[in-house]
Amino acid sequence: MEARNKSHAVSISSKQPKRNSTTISRVSAEARAAVSAEASQRPPRQARVERKTRETSVAVTLALDGSGRGEIHTGVPFLDHMLESFARHGFFDLVVEASGDLHIDEHHTVEDVGIVMGRAFRQALGDRSGIRRFGNATVPLDEALCSAVVDISGRVYLAYNVPIKQERVGKFQTVLVSDFMKAFSDEVGMNLHLNLHDGRNPHHIIEAVFKALARAMDQATAVEPRVAGALSTKGTLS
């Protein structure tokens, strides 16, 4: 009886799956070739943006596909430190030259640097075709733990959940971080969620925020070789 049951075992042919696999491989190769051709025709993802008002003068030069080189001179030392860290950990080549009415306070300069940096990212991204669009990073710095989630969708929204008890880090007002992030995300045209999970030292918290943002922006702005056009069912991210 046992031998008879074995003789009735079902045998499945592997010929059809092989044909399907060959077809899928050919189509995938053609798709990759098409995307590669599109990428080779894409202009360098760079931008230079200048903005002058009665309060500030800001110039930003940005290369998305950089090596992490930052040359930052804003007149606000703590902001310089944060943007150098942002460039380094996002692998962006970033040059920022700013002057402002610092005899009044640092608000105008910090906010306007955020505006011009956001515009530089928007210009460098062009029509946003081929980018991954989404980015997500959680970064520790000793006791501080912060996360940033990005969607470069063309829609503007900032969720800033980074409560800091201290009013200042040195001379820098901690509330200005929120102002910078609002200006930056609005001008890029993106959703940005920033969350503090833990932290005590305000310097550590803010630095972790900028590093998390850098890592998330690096992911979201990266070119995805499997994507042709905009990563959206609408066909556009503008």
Protein backbone atom coordinates (compact mmCIF):
# COMPACT_ATOMS: atom_id res chain seq x y z
CA MET A 1 0.00 0.00 0.00
CA GLU A 2 2.83 2.35 0.84
CA ALA A 3 4.56 1.71 -2.49
CA ARG A 4 1.31 2.33 -4.38
CA ASN A 5 0.82 5.73 -2.71
CA LYS A 6 4.36 6.74 -3.65
CA SER A 7 3.77 5.84 -7.28
CA HIS A 8 0.91 8.31 -7.40
CA ALA A 9 3.07 11.26 -6.28
CA VAL A 10 2.43 14.40 -8.33
CA SER A 11 5.28 15.71 -10.49
CA ILE A 12 5.28 19.44 -11.28
CA SER A 13 6.98 20.67 -14.41
CA SER A 14 9.47 23.48 -14.00
CA LYS A 15 9.39 24.55 -17.66
CA GLN A 16 6.71 27.25 -17.31
CA PRO A 17 8.30 28.96 -14.30
CA LYS A 18 11.58 29.07 -16.19
CA ARG A 19 9.89 30.82 -19.11
CA ASN A 20 8.20 33.28 -16.73
CA SER A 21 11.48 33.90 -14.95
CA THR A 22 13.22 34.60 -18.26
CA THR A 23 10.47 37.02 -19.29
CA ILE A 24 10.56 38.84 -15.96
CA SER A 25 14.35 39.12 -16.09
CA ARG A 26 14.22 40.51 -19.63
CA VAL A 27 11.55 43.09 -18.73
CA SER A 28 13.44 44.07 -15.57
CA ALA A 29 16.66 44.50 -17.53
CA GLU A 30 14.89 46.68 -20.08
CA ALA A 31 13.35 48.79 -17.32
CA ARG A 32 16.70 49.22 -15.60
CA ALA A 33 18.31 50.21 -18.88
CA ALA A 34 15.60 52.81 -19.50
CA VAL A 35 15.99 54.28 -16.01
CA SER A 36 19.78 54.26 -16.36
CA ALA A 37 19.52 56.12 -19.65
CA GLU A 38 17.26 58.70 -18.02
CA ALA A 39 19.68 59.09 -15.11
CA SER A 40 22.63 59.63 -17.45
CA GLN A 41 20.79 62.55 -19.05
CA ARG A 42 19.89 64.14 -15.71
CA PRO A 43 21.73 67.43 -15.10
CA PRO A 44 23.89 67.80 -11.97
CA ARG A 45 21.70 68.17 -8.92
CA GLN A 46 23.08 71.49 -7.75
CA ALA A 47 21.75 74.92 -6.90
CA ARG A 48 22.78 78.39 -5.86
CA VAL A 49 20.19 80.65 -4.28
CA GLU A 50 20.56 84.18 -2.93
CA ARG A 51 18.10 86.28 -0.97
CA LYS A 52 18.50 89.82 0.31
CA THR A 53 16.13 91.76 2.55
CA ARG A 54 16.47 94.77 4.83
CA GLU A 55 17.20 92.31 7.65
CA THR A 56 19.49 89.69 6.13
CA SER A 57 21.60 88.66 3.15
CA VAL A 58 21.86 84.91 2.57
CA ALA A 59 23.55 82.89 -0.19
CA VAL A 60 23.48 79.08 -0.34
CA THR A 61 25.32 76.76 -2.72
CA LEU A 62 24.25 73.12 -2.59
CA ALA A 63 25.23 69.86 -4.28
CA LEU A 64 22.94 66.96 -3.39
CA ASP A 65 25.39 64.30 -4.57
CA GLY A 66 28.31 65.55 -2.56
CA SER A 67 30.84 64.27 -0.07
CA GLY A 68 29.65 66.00 3.10
CA ARG A 69 31.69 69.20 2.80
CA GLY A 70 30.28 72.16 4.70
CA GLU A 71 31.47 75.77 4.66
CA ILE A 72 29.09 77.66 6.91
CA HIS A 73 29.37 81.32 7.93
CA THR A 74 26.14 82.77 9.31
CA GLY A 75 27.36 84.89 12.20
CA VAL A 76 25.53 82.51 14.55
CA PRO A 77 28.19 80.05 15.79
CA PHE A 78 25.78 77.40 17.09
CA LEU A 79 23.86 77.40 13.79
CA ASP A 80 27.16 77.06 11.92
CA HIS A 81 27.96 74.00 14.02
CA MET A 82 24.56 72.42 13.32
CA LEU A 83 24.70 73.03 9.57
CA GLU A 84 28.24 71.67 9.31
CA SER A 85 26.94 68.52 11.01
CA PHE A 86 23.93 68.45 8.66
CA ALA A 87 26.16 68.63 5.58
CA ARG A 88 28.53 65.98 6.87
CA HIS A 89 25.92 63.40 7.84
CA GLY A 90 23.72 64.03 4.80
CA PHE A 91 26.67 63.83 2.36
CA PHE A 92 25.68 67.22 0.97
CA ASP A 93 28.21 69.79 -0.21
CA LEU A 94 26.84 72.93 1.39
CA VAL A 95 28.14 76.49 1.43
CA VAL A 96 26.21 79.10 3.41
CA GLU A 97 27.16 82.77 3.63
CA ALA A 98 24.86 84.96 5.70
CA SER A 99 24.84 88.30 7.41
CA GLY A 100 22.00 89.81 9.36
CA ASP A 101 20.75 92.18 12.04
CA LEU A 102 22.35 90.23 14.87
CA HIS A 103 22.48 93.41 16.94
CA ILE A 104 18.71 92.89 17.34
CA ASP A 105 18.69 89.11 17.78
CA GLU A 106 19.37 85.89 15.85
CA HIS A 107 15.81 85.14 14.75
CA HIS A 108 15.87 86.79 11.32
CA THR A 109 19.19 85.21 10.36
CA VAL A 110 18.26 81.69 11.50
CA GLU A 111 14.86 81.76 9.82
CA ASP A 112 16.15 83.27 6.58
CA VAL A 113 18.95 80.71 6.33
CA GLY A 114 16.23 78.05 6.60
CA ILE A 115 14.27 79.72 3.81
CA VAL A 116 17.21 79.92 1.41
CA MET A 117 18.43 76.39 2.19
CA GLY A 118 14.94 75.08 1.50
CA ARG A 119 14.83 76.90 -1.83
CA ALA A 120 18.23 75.47 -2.74
CA PHE A 121 17.00 71.93 -2.10
CA ARG A 122 13.86 72.60 -4.13
CA GLN A 123 15.88 73.96 -7.05
CA ALA A 124 18.46 71.15 -6.94
CA LEU A 125 15.72 68.50 -6.94
CA GLY A 126 14.12 69.92 -10.09
CA ASP A 127 10.91 68.06 -10.93
CA ARG A 128 11.84 65.42 -8.32
CA SER A 129 11.72 62.60 -10.83
CA GLY A 130 13.55 59.46 -9.79
CA ILE A 131 14.00 60.31 -6.12
CA ARG A 132 13.09 57.93 -3.32
CA ARG A 133 10.89 60.65 -1.79
CA PHE A 134 10.70 59.16 1.72
CA GLY A 135 13.39 59.19 4.41
CA ASN A 136 13.46 58.06 8.00
CA ALA A 137 16.29 58.21 10.56
CA THR A 138 16.66 57.93 14.32
CA VAL A 139 19.90 59.24 15.75
CA PRO A 140 21.33 59.08 19.28
CA LEU A 141 23.77 61.47 20.88
CA ASP A 142 24.60 60.19 24.34
CA GLU A 143 21.35 60.48 26.33
CA ALA A 144 19.45 62.21 23.49
CA LEU A 145 17.48 60.25 20.90
CA CYS A 146 15.71 62.01 18.04
CA SER A 147 13.98 60.90 14.85
CA ALA A 148 13.19 62.61 11.57
CA VAL A 149 10.70 61.40 8.97
CA VAL A 150 10.57 63.08 5.57
CA ASP A 151 8.21 62.95 2.59
CA ILE A 152 9.30 65.21 -0.27
CA SER A 153 5.80 65.22 -1.68
CA GLY A 154 5.23 68.83 -2.64
CA ARG A 155 2.86 69.14 0.32
CA VAL A 156 3.94 71.27 3.27
CA TYR A 157 3.60 70.09 6.87
CA LEU A 158 5.81 70.29 9.95
CA ALA A 159 5.23 68.27 13.11
CA TYR A 160 7.80 69.51 15.62
CA ASN A 161 7.68 67.43 18.76
CA VAL A 162 10.99 68.41 20.34
CA PRO A 163 10.33 69.92 23.77
CA ILE A 164 13.45 71.53 25.23
CA LYS A 165 13.28 72.82 28.80
CA GLN A 166 16.29 75.10 28.55
CA GLU A 167 15.77 78.48 26.88
CA ARG A 168 19.31 78.73 25.51
CA VAL A 169 22.39 76.79 24.48
CA GLY A 170 25.07 79.35 25.23
CA LYS A 171 23.63 82.47 23.58
CA PHE A 172 21.49 80.54 21.07
CA GLN A 173 17.73 80.50 21.70
CA THR A 174 16.48 76.91 21.50
CA VAL A 175 13.08 78.01 20.16
CA LEU A 176 14.81 79.08 16.94
CA VAL A 177 15.28 75.44 15.92
CA SER A 178 11.53 75.18 15.32
CA ASP A 179 11.59 78.42 13.29
CA PHE A 180 14.43 77.09 11.13
CA MET A 181 12.67 73.76 10.51
CA LYS A 182 9.40 75.48 9.58
CA ALA A 183 11.13 77.77 7.09
CA PHE A 184 13.20 74.93 5.63
CA SER A 185 10.36 72.40 5.21
CA ASP A 186 7.99 75.00 3.75
CA GLU A 187 10.47 76.02 1.07
CA VAL A 188 11.48 72.46 0.15
CA GLY A 189 7.80 71.53 -0.10
CA MET A 190 7.71 68.48 2.13
CA ASN A 191 6.26 66.78 5.18
CA LEU A 192 8.69 66.78 8.10
CA HIS A 193 8.09 65.03 11.40
CA LEU A 194 10.66 65.59 14.15
CA ASN A 195 10.34 63.71 17.42
CA LEU A 196 12.36 63.71 20.62
CA HIS A 197 12.28 60.29 22.27
CA ASP A 198 14.66 61.07 25.12
CA GLY A 199 17.15 63.71 26.11
CA ARG A 200 18.36 66.10 28.80
CA ASN A 201 21.18 68.21 27.36
CA PRO A 202 19.80 70.81 24.88
CA HIS A 203 23.00 70.80 22.79
CA HIS A 204 22.77 67.02 22.40
CA ILE A 205 19.05 67.18 21.57
CA ILE A 206 19.39 69.83 18.87
CA GLU A 207 22.45 68.20 17.32
CA ALA A 208 20.65 64.84 17.20
CA VAL A 209 17.72 66.57 15.47
CA PHE A 210 19.96 68.03 12.74
CA LYS A 211 21.80 64.74 12.26
CA ALA A 212 18.53 62.80 12.00
CA LEU A 213 17.24 65.34 9.48
CA ALA A 214 20.45 65.00 7.47
CA ARG A 215 20.19 61.20 7.31
CA ALA A 216 16.49 61.33 6.38
CA MET A 217 17.11 63.94 3.67
CA ASP A 218 19.97 61.87 2.28
CA GLN A 219 17.58 58.92 1.89
CA ALA A 220 14.69 60.95 0.49
CA THR A 221 16.74 62.86 -2.10
CA ALA A 222 18.67 59.80 -3.29
CA VAL A 223 18.02 58.60 -6.83
CA GLU A 224 16.19 55.27 -6.92
CA PRO A 225 17.26 53.27 -10.01
CA ARG A 226 13.91 51.44 -10.13
CA VAL A 227 11.91 54.65 -10.42
CA ALA A 228 11.13 56.30 -13.76
CA GLY A 229 9.47 59.68 -13.34
CA ALA A 230 7.88 60.77 -10.07
CA LEU A 231 7.27 58.26 -7.30
CA SER A 232 3.57 59.02 -7.11
CA THR A 233 0.37 57.59 -8.52
CA LYS A 234 -0.48 61.19 -9.49
CA GLY A 235 2.56 61.34 -11.74
CA THR A 236 4.02 64.43 -10.09
CA LEU A 237 5.59 65.58 -6.82
CA SER A 238 5.22 69.27 -7.52
